[in-house]
């Protein structure tokens, strides 16, 4: 079972987490990472990293709004895709 870790501006500097974010999405679809980290302090964003042991598996970012939640980003490390992690992360995100 994956361990979710809530990411906030104080712990968002992890190099593996930043690398996953910057490589999983086309540049034109990314908020620059430093700006994104700033947004964590001013918007209700649920930024969660998912680990198996000490290994980063994936991430999700959901903007929480009064009437609905808007899933911004969902990623699984490329070398770990196709192993069921995405389904596990998606289920955790929905719940």
PDB file of N, CA and C in Angstrom:
ATOM      1  N   UNK A   1       0.841  -1.185   0.000  1.00  0.00           N
ATOM      2  CA  UNK A   1       0.000   0.000   0.000  1.00  0.00           C
ATOM      3  C   UNK A   1       0.883   1.243   0.000  1.00  0.00           C
ATOM      4  N   UNK A   2       0.518   2.197  -0.825  1.00  0.00           N
ATOM      5  CA  UNK A   2       1.295   3.431  -0.934  1.00  0.00           C
ATOM      6  C   UNK A   2       1.043   4.342   0.254  1.00  0.00           C
ATOM      7  N   UNK A   3       2.066   5.073   0.619  1.00  0.00           N
ATOM      8  CA  UNK A   3       1.965   6.043   1.714  1.00  0.00           C
ATOM      9  C   UNK A   3       1.811   7.433   1.109  1.00  0.00           C
ATOM     10  N   UNK A   4       0.686   8.122   1.374  1.00  0.00           N
ATOM     11  CA  UNK A   4       0.532   9.494   0.895  1.00  0.00           C
ATOM     12  C   UNK A   4       1.239  10.474   1.838  1.00  0.00           C
ATOM     13  N   UNK A   5       1.885  11.466   1.260  1.00  0.00           N
ATOM     14  CA  UNK A   5       2.544  12.523   2.032  1.00  0.00           C
ATOM     15  C   UNK A   5       2.045  13.854   1.487  1.00  0.00           C
ATOM     16  N   UNK A   6       1.443  14.652   2.359  1.00  0.00           N
ATOM     17  CA  UNK A   6       0.955  15.976   1.953  1.00  0.00           C
ATOM     18  C   UNK A   6       2.159  16.884   1.740  1.00  0.00           C
ATOM     19  N   UNK A   7       2.167  17.546   0.597  1.00  0.00           N
ATOM     20  CA  UNK A   7       3.259  18.459   0.255  1.00  0.00           C
ATOM     21  C   UNK A   7       2.793  19.891   0.492  1.00  0.00           C
ATOM     22  N   UNK A   8       3.643  20.670   1.122  1.00  0.00           N
ATOM     23  CA  UNK A   8       3.390  22.089   1.371  1.00  0.00           C
ATOM     24  C   UNK A   8       4.658  22.851   0.994  1.00  0.00           C
ATOM     25  N   UNK A   9       4.603  24.148   1.089  1.00  0.00           N
ATOM     26  CA  UNK A   9       5.757  24.941   0.645  1.00  0.00           C
ATOM     27  C   UNK A   9       7.035  24.599   1.398  1.00  0.00           C
ATOM     28  N   UNK A  10       6.927  24.087   2.603  1.00  0.00           N
ATOM     29  CA  UNK A  10       8.115  23.761   3.390  1.00  0.00           C
ATOM     30  C   UNK A  10       8.802  22.461   3.001  1.00  0.00           C
ATOM     31  N   UNK A  11       8.091  21.554   2.343  1.00  0.00           N
ATOM     32  CA  UNK A  11       8.716  20.273   1.983  1.00  0.00           C
ATOM     33  C   UNK A  11       8.634  19.978   0.481  1.00  0.00           C
ATOM     34  N   UNK A  12       8.298  20.975  -0.311  1.00  0.00           N
ATOM     35  CA  UNK A  12       8.121  20.786  -1.756  1.00  0.00           C
ATOM     36  C   UNK A  12       9.427  20.819  -2.534  1.00  0.00           C
ATOM     37  N   UNK A  13      10.534  21.052  -1.869  1.00  0.00           N
ATOM     38  CA  UNK A  13      11.806  21.176  -2.569  1.00  0.00           C
ATOM     39  C   UNK A  13      12.495  19.863  -2.889  1.00  0.00           C
ATOM     40  N   UNK A  14      11.870  18.746  -2.582  1.00  0.00           N
ATOM     41  CA  UNK A  14      12.456  17.440  -2.871  1.00  0.00           C
ATOM     42  C   UNK A  14      12.772  17.316  -4.358  1.00  0.00           C
ATOM     43  N   UNK A  15      14.012  16.979  -4.678  1.00  0.00           N
ATOM     44  CA  UNK A  15      14.464  16.940  -6.075  1.00  0.00           C
ATOM     45  C   UNK A  15      13.708  15.904  -6.902  1.00  0.00           C
ATOM     46  N   UNK A  16      13.424  14.728  -6.340  1.00  0.00           N
ATOM     47  CA  UNK A  16      12.706  13.691  -7.087  1.00  0.00           C
ATOM     48  C   UNK A  16      11.282  14.124  -7.398  1.00  0.00           C
ATOM     49  N   UNK A  17      10.658  14.800  -6.455  1.00  0.00           N
ATOM     50  CA  UNK A  17       9.292  15.286  -6.648  1.00  0.00           C
ATOM     51  C   UNK A  17       9.253  16.347  -7.744  1.00  0.00           C
ATOM     52  N   UNK A  18      10.180  17.281  -7.676  1.00  0.00           N
ATOM     53  CA  UNK A  18      10.250  18.325  -8.700  1.00  0.00           C
ATOM     54  C   UNK A  18      10.525  17.718 -10.081  1.00  0.00           C
ATOM     55  N   UNK A  19      11.437  16.763 -10.138  1.00  0.00           N
ATOM     56  CA  UNK A  19      11.768  16.126 -11.414  1.00  0.00           C
ATOM     57  C   UNK A  19      10.545  15.420 -12.004  1.00  0.00           C
ATOM     58  N   UNK A  20       9.790  14.704 -11.176  1.00  0.00           N
ATOM     59  CA  UNK A  20       8.589  14.035 -11.681  1.00  0.00           C
ATOM     60  C   UNK A  20       7.617  15.059 -12.250  1.00  0.00           C
ATOM     61  N   UNK A  21       7.376  16.127 -11.514  1.00  0.00           N
ATOM     62  CA  UNK A  21       6.469  17.170 -11.987  1.00  0.00           C
ATOM     63  C   UNK A  21       6.955  17.746 -13.313  1.00  0.00           C
ATOM     64  N   UNK A  22       8.218  18.059 -13.403  1.00  0.00           N
ATOM     65  CA  UNK A  22       8.743  18.748 -14.588  1.00  0.00           C
ATOM     66  C   UNK A  22       8.917  17.831 -15.797  1.00  0.00           C
ATOM     67  N   UNK A  23       8.934  16.512 -15.600  1.00  0.00           N
ATOM     68  CA  UNK A  23       9.099  15.602 -16.727  1.00  0.00           C
ATOM     69  C   UNK A  23       7.798  14.900 -17.130  1.00  0.00           C
ATOM     70  N   UNK A  24       6.802  14.898 -16.274  1.00  0.00           N
ATOM     71  CA  UNK A  24       5.571  14.161 -16.561  1.00  0.00           C
ATOM     72  C   UNK A  24       4.588  14.930 -17.430  1.00  0.00           C
ATOM     73  N   UNK A  25       4.739  16.245 -17.507  1.00  0.00           N
ATOM     74  CA  UNK A  25       3.767  17.078 -18.219  1.00  0.00           C
ATOM     75  C   UNK A  25       4.473  17.960 -19.233  1.00  0.00           C
ATOM     76  N   UNK A  26       3.824  18.214 -20.375  1.00  0.00           N
ATOM     77  CA  UNK A  26       4.420  19.131 -21.349  1.00  0.00           C
ATOM     78  C   UNK A  26       4.650  20.503 -20.714  1.00  0.00           C
ATOM     79  N   UNK A  27       5.721  21.142 -21.096  1.00  0.00           N
ATOM     80  CA  UNK A  27       6.080  22.446 -20.520  1.00  0.00           C
ATOM     81  C   UNK A  27       4.919  23.435 -20.610  1.00  0.00           C
ATOM     82  N   UNK A  28       4.215  23.429 -21.727  1.00  0.00           N
ATOM     83  CA  UNK A  28       3.099  24.361 -21.908  1.00  0.00           C
ATOM     84  C   UNK A  28       1.919  24.113 -20.986  1.00  0.00           C
ATOM     85  N   UNK A  29       1.896  22.957 -20.326  1.00  0.00           N
ATOM     86  CA  UNK A  29       0.808  22.628 -19.399  1.00  0.00           C
ATOM     87  C   UNK A  29       1.237  22.763 -17.934  1.00  0.00           C
ATOM     88  N   UNK A  30       2.463  23.161 -17.719  1.00  0.00           N
ATOM     89  CA  UNK A  30       2.986  23.279 -16.358  1.00  0.00           C
ATOM     90  C   UNK A  30       2.882  24.710 -15.847  1.00  0.00           C
ATOM     91  N   UNK A  31       2.588  24.809 -14.571  1.00  0.00           N
ATOM     92  CA  UNK A  31       2.819  26.057 -13.856  1.00  0.00           C
ATOM     93  C   UNK A  31       4.287  25.961 -13.443  1.00  0.00           C
ATOM     94  N   UNK A  32       5.111  26.977 -13.698  1.00  0.00           N
ATOM     95  CA  UNK A  32       6.511  26.872 -13.248  1.00  0.00           C
ATOM     96  C   UNK A  32       6.559  26.440 -11.776  1.00  0.00           C
ATOM     97  N   UNK A  33       7.442  25.490 -11.478  1.00  0.00           N
ATOM     98  CA  UNK A  33       7.430  24.842 -10.167  1.00  0.00           C
ATOM     99  C   UNK A  33       7.555  25.836  -9.009  1.00  0.00           C
ATOM    100  N   UNK A  34       8.420  26.809  -9.129  1.00  0.00           N
ATOM    101  CA  UNK A  34       8.578  27.787  -8.043  1.00  0.00           C
ATOM    102  C   UNK A  34       7.293  28.584  -7.828  1.00  0.00           C
ATOM    103  N   UNK A  35       6.589  28.902  -8.901  1.00  0.00           N
ATOM    104  CA  UNK A  35       5.296  29.591  -8.782  1.00  0.00           C
ATOM    105  C   UNK A  35       4.258  28.674  -8.148  1.00  0.00           C
ATOM    106  N   UNK A  36       4.282  27.411  -8.540  1.00  0.00           N
ATOM    107  CA  UNK A  36       3.355  26.448  -7.969  1.00  0.00           C
ATOM    108  C   UNK A  36       3.542  26.348  -6.456  1.00  0.00           C
ATOM    109  N   UNK A  37       4.783  26.304  -6.025  1.00  0.00           N
ATOM    110  CA  UNK A  37       5.066  26.227  -4.586  1.00  0.00           C
ATOM    111  C   UNK A  37       4.519  27.453  -3.868  1.00  0.00           C
ATOM    112  N   UNK A  38       4.657  28.619  -4.488  1.00  0.00           N
ATOM    113  CA  UNK A  38       4.069  29.837  -3.902  1.00  0.00           C
ATOM    114  C   UNK A  38       2.550  29.697  -3.790  1.00  0.00           C
ATOM    115  N   UNK A  39       1.910  29.115  -4.806  1.00  0.00           N
ATOM    116  CA  UNK A  39       0.446  28.958  -4.792  1.00  0.00           C
ATOM    117  C   UNK A  39      -0.023  28.072  -3.643  1.00  0.00           C
ATOM    118  N   UNK A  40       0.824  27.155  -3.188  1.00  0.00           N
ATOM    119  CA  UNK A  40       0.442  26.302  -2.069  1.00  0.00           C
ATOM    120  C   UNK A  40       0.128  27.118  -0.817  1.00  0.00           C
ATOM    121  N   UNK A  41       0.738  28.294  -0.699  1.00  0.00           N
ATOM    122  CA  UNK A  41       0.514  29.153   0.463  1.00  0.00           C
ATOM    123  C   UNK A  41      -0.691  30.067   0.319  1.00  0.00           C
ATOM    124  N   UNK A  42      -1.210  30.216  -0.897  1.00  0.00           N
ATOM    125  CA  UNK A  42      -2.291  31.185  -1.097  1.00  0.00           C
ATOM    126  C   UNK A  42      -3.572  30.577  -1.662  1.00  0.00           C
ATOM    127  N   UNK A  43      -3.530  29.322  -2.048  1.00  0.00           N
ATOM    128  CA  UNK A  43      -4.713  28.640  -2.586  1.00  0.00           C
ATOM    129  C   UNK A  43      -4.894  27.308  -1.850  1.00  0.00           C
ATOM    130  N   UNK A  44      -6.102  26.789  -1.889  1.00  0.00           N
ATOM    131  CA  UNK A  44      -6.398  25.519  -1.231  1.00  0.00           C
ATOM    132  C   UNK A  44      -6.077  24.378  -2.205  1.00  0.00           C
ATOM    133  N   UNK A  45      -4.793  24.039  -2.279  1.00  0.00           N
ATOM    134  CA  UNK A  45      -4.317  22.999  -3.183  1.00  0.00           C
ATOM    135  C   UNK A  45      -3.879  21.796  -2.353  1.00  0.00           C
ATOM    136  N   UNK A  46      -4.433  20.651  -2.683  1.00  0.00           N
ATOM    137  CA  UNK A  46      -4.022  19.402  -2.061  1.00  0.00           C
ATOM    138  C   UNK A  46      -2.957  18.795  -2.959  1.00  0.00           C
ATOM    139  N   UNK A  47      -1.693  18.944  -2.575  1.00  0.00           N
ATOM    140  CA  UNK A  47      -0.558  18.419  -3.321  1.00  0.00           C
ATOM    141  C   UNK A  47      -0.070  17.224  -2.514  1.00  0.00           C
ATOM    142  N   UNK A  48      -0.165  16.041  -3.092  1.00  0.00           N
ATOM    143  CA  UNK A  48       0.173  14.817  -2.380  1.00  0.00           C
ATOM    144  C   UNK A  48       1.189  14.007  -3.181  1.00  0.00           C
ATOM    145  N   UNK A  49       2.217  13.539  -2.501  1.00  0.00           N
ATOM    146  CA  UNK A  49       3.193  12.618  -3.084  1.00  0.00           C
ATOM    147  C   UNK A  49       2.880  11.232  -2.527  1.00  0.00           C
ATOM    148  N   UNK A  50       3.126  10.218  -3.340  1.00  0.00           N
ATOM    149  CA  UNK A  50       2.839   8.839  -2.942  1.00  0.00           C
ATOM    150  C   UNK A  50       4.132   8.030  -2.992  1.00  0.00           C
ATOM    151  N   UNK A  51       4.411   7.333  -1.888  1.00  0.00           N
ATOM    152  CA  UNK A  51       5.660   6.596  -1.737  1.00  0.00           C
ATOM    153  C   UNK A  51       5.392   5.127  -1.456  1.00  0.00           C
ATOM    154  N   UNK A  52       6.267   4.290  -1.986  1.00  0.00           N
ATOM    155  CA  UNK A  52       6.351   2.897  -1.564  1.00  0.00           C
ATOM    156  C   UNK A  52       7.699   2.784  -0.877  1.00  0.00           C
ATOM    157  N   UNK A  53       7.661   2.642   0.424  1.00  0.00           N
ATOM    158  CA  UNK A  53       8.896   2.731   1.201  1.00  0.00           C
ATOM    159  C   UNK A  53       9.467   4.129   1.039  1.00  0.00           C
ATOM    160  N   UNK A  54      10.741   4.210   0.630  1.00  0.00           N
ATOM    161  CA  UNK A  54      11.380   5.507   0.410  1.00  0.00           C
ATOM    162  C   UNK A  54      11.315   5.957  -1.051  1.00  0.00           C
ATOM    163  N   UNK A  55      10.645   5.176  -1.897  1.00  0.00           N
ATOM    164  CA  UNK A  55      10.619   5.457  -3.327  1.00  0.00           C
ATOM    165  C   UNK A  55       9.397   6.270  -3.713  1.00  0.00           C
ATOM    166  N   UNK A  56       9.637   7.440  -4.307  1.00  0.00           N
ATOM    167  CA  UNK A  56       8.546   8.249  -4.834  1.00  0.00           C
ATOM    168  C   UNK A  56       7.928   7.507  -6.014  1.00  0.00           C
ATOM    169  N   UNK A  57       6.621   7.327  -5.969  1.00  0.00           N
ATOM    170  CA  UNK A  57       5.897   6.628  -7.024  1.00  0.00           C
ATOM    171  C   UNK A  57       5.131   7.603  -7.898  1.00  0.00           C
ATOM    172  N   UNK A  58       4.456   8.572  -7.277  1.00  0.00           N
ATOM    173  CA  UNK A  58       3.636   9.491  -8.064  1.00  0.00           C
ATOM    174  C   UNK A  58       3.230  10.706  -7.271  1.00  0.00           C
ATOM    175  N   UNK A  59       2.416  11.529  -7.917  1.00  0.00           N
ATOM    176  CA  UNK A  59       1.924  12.752  -7.287  1.00  0.00           C
ATOM    177  C   UNK A  59       0.544  13.096  -7.820  1.00  0.00           C
ATOM    178  N   UNK A  60      -0.189  13.841  -7.024  1.00  0.00           N
ATOM    179  CA  UNK A  60      -1.456  14.434  -7.449  1.00  0.00           C
ATOM    180  C   UNK A  60      -1.511  15.858  -6.925  1.00  0.00           C
ATOM    181  N   UNK A  61      -2.219  16.707  -7.667  1.00  0.00           N
ATOM    182  CA  UNK A  61      -2.516  18.064  -7.213  1.00  0.00           C
ATOM    183  C   UNK A  61      -3.969  18.345  -7.528  1.00  0.00           C
ATOM    184  N   UNK A  62      -4.705  18.701  -6.489  1.00  0.00           N
ATOM    185  CA  UNK A  62      -6.124  18.972  -6.627  1.00  0.00           C
ATOM    186  C   UNK A  62      -6.411  20.337  -6.009  1.00  0.00           C
ATOM    187  N   UNK A  63      -7.046  21.192  -6.793  1.00  0.00           N
ATOM    188  CA  UNK A  63      -7.488  22.486  -6.286  1.00  0.00           C
ATOM    189  C   UNK A  63      -8.864  22.285  -5.667  1.00  0.00           C
ATOM    190  N   UNK A  64      -8.983  22.605  -4.400  1.00  0.00           N
ATOM    191  CA  UNK A  64     -10.260  22.444  -3.702  1.00  0.00           C
ATOM    192  C   UNK A  64     -11.046  23.744  -3.800  1.00  0.00           C
ATOM    193  N   UNK A  65     -12.218  23.636  -4.366  1.00  0.00           N
ATOM    194  CA  UNK A  65     -13.113  24.772  -4.539  1.00  0.00           C
ATOM    195  C   UNK A  65     -14.403  24.504  -3.770  1.00  0.00           C
ATOM    196  N   UNK A  66     -15.209  25.533  -3.498  1.00  0.00           N
ATOM    197  CA  UNK A  66     -16.413  25.336  -2.682  1.00  0.00           C
ATOM    198  C   UNK A  66     -17.396  24.298  -3.246  1.00  0.00           C
ATOM    199  N   UNK A  67     -17.565  24.257  -4.562  1.00  0.00           N
ATOM    200  CA  UNK A  67     -18.582  23.374  -5.131  1.00  0.00           C
ATOM    201  C   UNK A  67     -18.030  22.102  -5.750  1.00  0.00           C
ATOM    202  N   UNK A  68     -16.727  22.046  -5.978  1.00  0.00           N
ATOM    203  CA  UNK A  68     -16.123  20.865  -6.587  1.00  0.00           C
ATOM    204  C   UNK A  68     -14.612  20.921  -6.401  1.00  0.00           C
ATOM    205  N   UNK A  69     -13.977  19.819  -6.674  1.00  0.00           N
ATOM    206  CA  UNK A  69     -12.516  19.754  -6.661  1.00  0.00           C
ATOM    207  C   UNK A  69     -12.036  19.628  -8.098  1.00  0.00           C
ATOM    208  N   UNK A  70     -10.945  20.313  -8.428  1.00  0.00           N
ATOM    209  CA  UNK A  70     -10.411  20.330  -9.785  1.00  0.00           C
ATOM    210  C   UNK A  70      -9.046  19.653  -9.773  1.00  0.00           C
ATOM    211  N   UNK A  71      -8.977  18.468 -10.361  1.00  0.00           N
ATOM    212  CA  UNK A  71      -7.711  17.738 -10.430  1.00  0.00           C
ATOM    213  C   UNK A  71      -6.811  18.405 -11.458  1.00  0.00           C
ATOM    214  N   UNK A  72      -5.707  18.969 -10.993  1.00  0.00           N
ATOM    215  CA  UNK A  72      -4.775  19.664 -11.875  1.00  0.00           C
ATOM    216  C   UNK A  72      -3.758  18.704 -12.467  1.00  0.00           C
ATOM    217  N   UNK A  73      -3.118  17.927 -11.607  1.00  0.00           N
ATOM    218  CA  UNK A  73      -2.035  17.062 -12.071  1.00  0.00           C
ATOM    219  C   UNK A  73      -2.133  15.685 -11.411  1.00  0.00           C
ATOM    220  N   UNK A  74      -1.776  14.674 -12.196  1.00  0.00           N
ATOM    221  CA  UNK A  74      -1.736  13.285 -11.740  1.00  0.00           C
ATOM    222  C   UNK A  74      -0.593  12.634 -12.505  1.00  0.00           C
ATOM    223  N   UNK A  75       0.373  12.073 -11.810  1.00  0.00           N
ATOM    224  CA  UNK A  75       1.509  11.455 -12.502  1.00  0.00           C
ATOM    225  C   UNK A  75       2.049  10.275 -11.712  1.00  0.00           C
ATOM    226  N   UNK A  76       2.524   9.281 -12.455  1.00  0.00           N
ATOM    227  CA  UNK A  76       3.261   8.150 -11.912  1.00  0.00           C
ATOM    228  C   UNK A  76       4.605   8.145 -12.627  1.00  0.00           C
ATOM    229  N   UNK A  77       5.673   7.876 -11.889  1.00  0.00           N
ATOM    230  CA  UNK A  77       7.001   7.831 -12.518  1.00  0.00           C
ATOM    231  C   UNK A  77       6.978   6.875 -13.703  1.00  0.00           C
ATOM    232  N   UNK A  78       7.593   7.288 -14.780  1.00  0.00           N
ATOM    233  CA  UNK A  78       7.531   6.544 -16.040  1.00  0.00           C
ATOM    234  C   UNK A  78       7.940   5.079 -15.883  1.00  0.00           C
ATOM    235  N   UNK A  79       9.007   4.835 -15.166  1.00  0.00           N
ATOM    236  CA  UNK A  79       9.492   3.461 -15.030  1.00  0.00           C
ATOM    237  C   UNK A  79       8.604   2.589 -14.141  1.00  0.00           C
ATOM    238  N   UNK A  80       7.624   3.201 -13.463  1.00  0.00           N
ATOM    239  CA  UNK A  80       6.719   2.451 -12.591  1.00  0.00           C
ATOM    240  C   UNK A  80       5.313   2.320 -13.175  1.00  0.00           C
ATOM    241  N   UNK A  81       5.099   2.849 -14.347  1.00  0.00           N
ATOM    242  CA  UNK A  81       3.775   2.767 -14.968  1.00  0.00           C
ATOM    243  C   UNK A  81       3.472   1.331 -15.379  1.00  0.00           C
ATOM    244  N   UNK A  82       2.174   1.023 -15.416  1.00  0.00           N
ATOM    245  CA  UNK A  82       1.740  -0.310 -15.811  1.00  0.00           C
ATOM    246  C   UNK A  82       1.819  -1.344 -14.690  1.00  0.00           C
ATOM    247  N   UNK A  83       2.004  -0.898 -13.457  1.00  0.00           N
ATOM    248  CA  UNK A  83       2.145  -1.816 -12.327  1.00  0.00           C
ATOM    249  C   UNK A  83       0.994  -1.669 -11.326  1.00  0.00           C
ATOM    250  N   UNK A  84      -0.047  -0.915 -11.693  1.00  0.00           N
ATOM    251  CA  UNK A  84      -1.199  -0.742 -10.812  1.00  0.00           C
ATOM    252  C   UNK A  84      -1.112   0.446  -9.877  1.00  0.00           C
ATOM    253  N   UNK A  85       0.022   1.155  -9.887  1.00  0.00           N
ATOM    254  CA  UNK A  85       0.156   2.310  -8.989  1.00  0.00           C
ATOM    255  C   UNK A  85      -0.833   3.423  -9.323  1.00  0.00           C
ATOM    256  N   UNK A  86      -1.048   3.656 -10.599  1.00  0.00           N
ATOM    257  CA  UNK A  86      -1.963   4.722 -10.999  1.00  0.00           C
ATOM    258  C   UNK A  86      -3.363   4.496 -10.460  1.00  0.00           C
ATOM    259  N   UNK A  87      -3.844   3.258 -10.532  1.00  0.00           N
ATOM    260  CA  UNK A  87      -5.176   2.947 -10.001  1.00  0.00           C
ATOM    261  C   UNK A  87      -5.229   3.167  -8.498  1.00  0.00           C
ATOM    262  N   UNK A  88      -4.164   2.744  -7.818  1.00  0.00           N
ATOM    263  CA  UNK A  88      -4.129   2.926  -6.354  1.00  0.00           C
ATOM    264  C   UNK A  88      -4.116   4.411  -5.992  1.00  0.00           C
ATOM    265  N   UNK A  89      -3.337   5.198  -6.706  1.00  0.00           N
ATOM    266  CA  UNK A  89      -3.272   6.642  -6.443  1.00  0.00           C
ATOM    267  C   UNK A  89      -4.611   7.296  -6.783  1.00  0.00           C
ATOM    268  N   UNK A  90      -5.184   6.919  -7.916  1.00  0.00           N
ATOM    269  CA  UNK A  90      -6.467   7.511  -8.310  1.00  0.00           C
ATOM    270  C   UNK A  90      -7.529   7.217  -7.259  1.00  0.00           C
ATOM    271  N   UNK A  91      -7.593   5.992  -6.786  1.00  0.00           N
ATOM    272  CA  UNK A  91      -8.572   5.622  -5.758  1.00  0.00           C
ATOM    273  C   UNK A  91      -8.356   6.435  -4.485  1.00  0.00           C
ATOM    274  N   UNK A  92      -7.101   6.606  -4.093  1.00  0.00           N
ATOM    275  CA  UNK A  92      -6.804   7.402  -2.885  1.00  0.00           C
ATOM    276  C   UNK A  92      -7.199   8.861  -3.098  1.00  0.00           C
ATOM    277  N   UNK A  93      -6.952   9.384  -4.285  1.00  0.00           N
ATOM    278  CA  UNK A  93      -7.292  10.778  -4.584  1.00  0.00           C
ATOM    279  C   UNK A  93      -8.811  10.991  -4.530  1.00  0.00           C
ATOM    280  N   UNK A  94      -9.558  10.072  -5.095  1.00  0.00           N
ATOM    281  CA  UNK A  94     -11.013  10.195  -5.130  1.00  0.00           C
ATOM    282  C   UNK A  94     -11.601  10.097  -3.724  1.00  0.00           C
ATOM    283  N   UNK A  95     -11.021   9.200  -2.929  1.00  0.00           N
ATOM    284  CA  UNK A  95     -11.537   9.023  -1.551  1.00  0.00           C
ATOM    285  C   UNK A  95     -11.100  10.171  -0.673  1.00  0.00           C
TER     286      UNK A  95
END
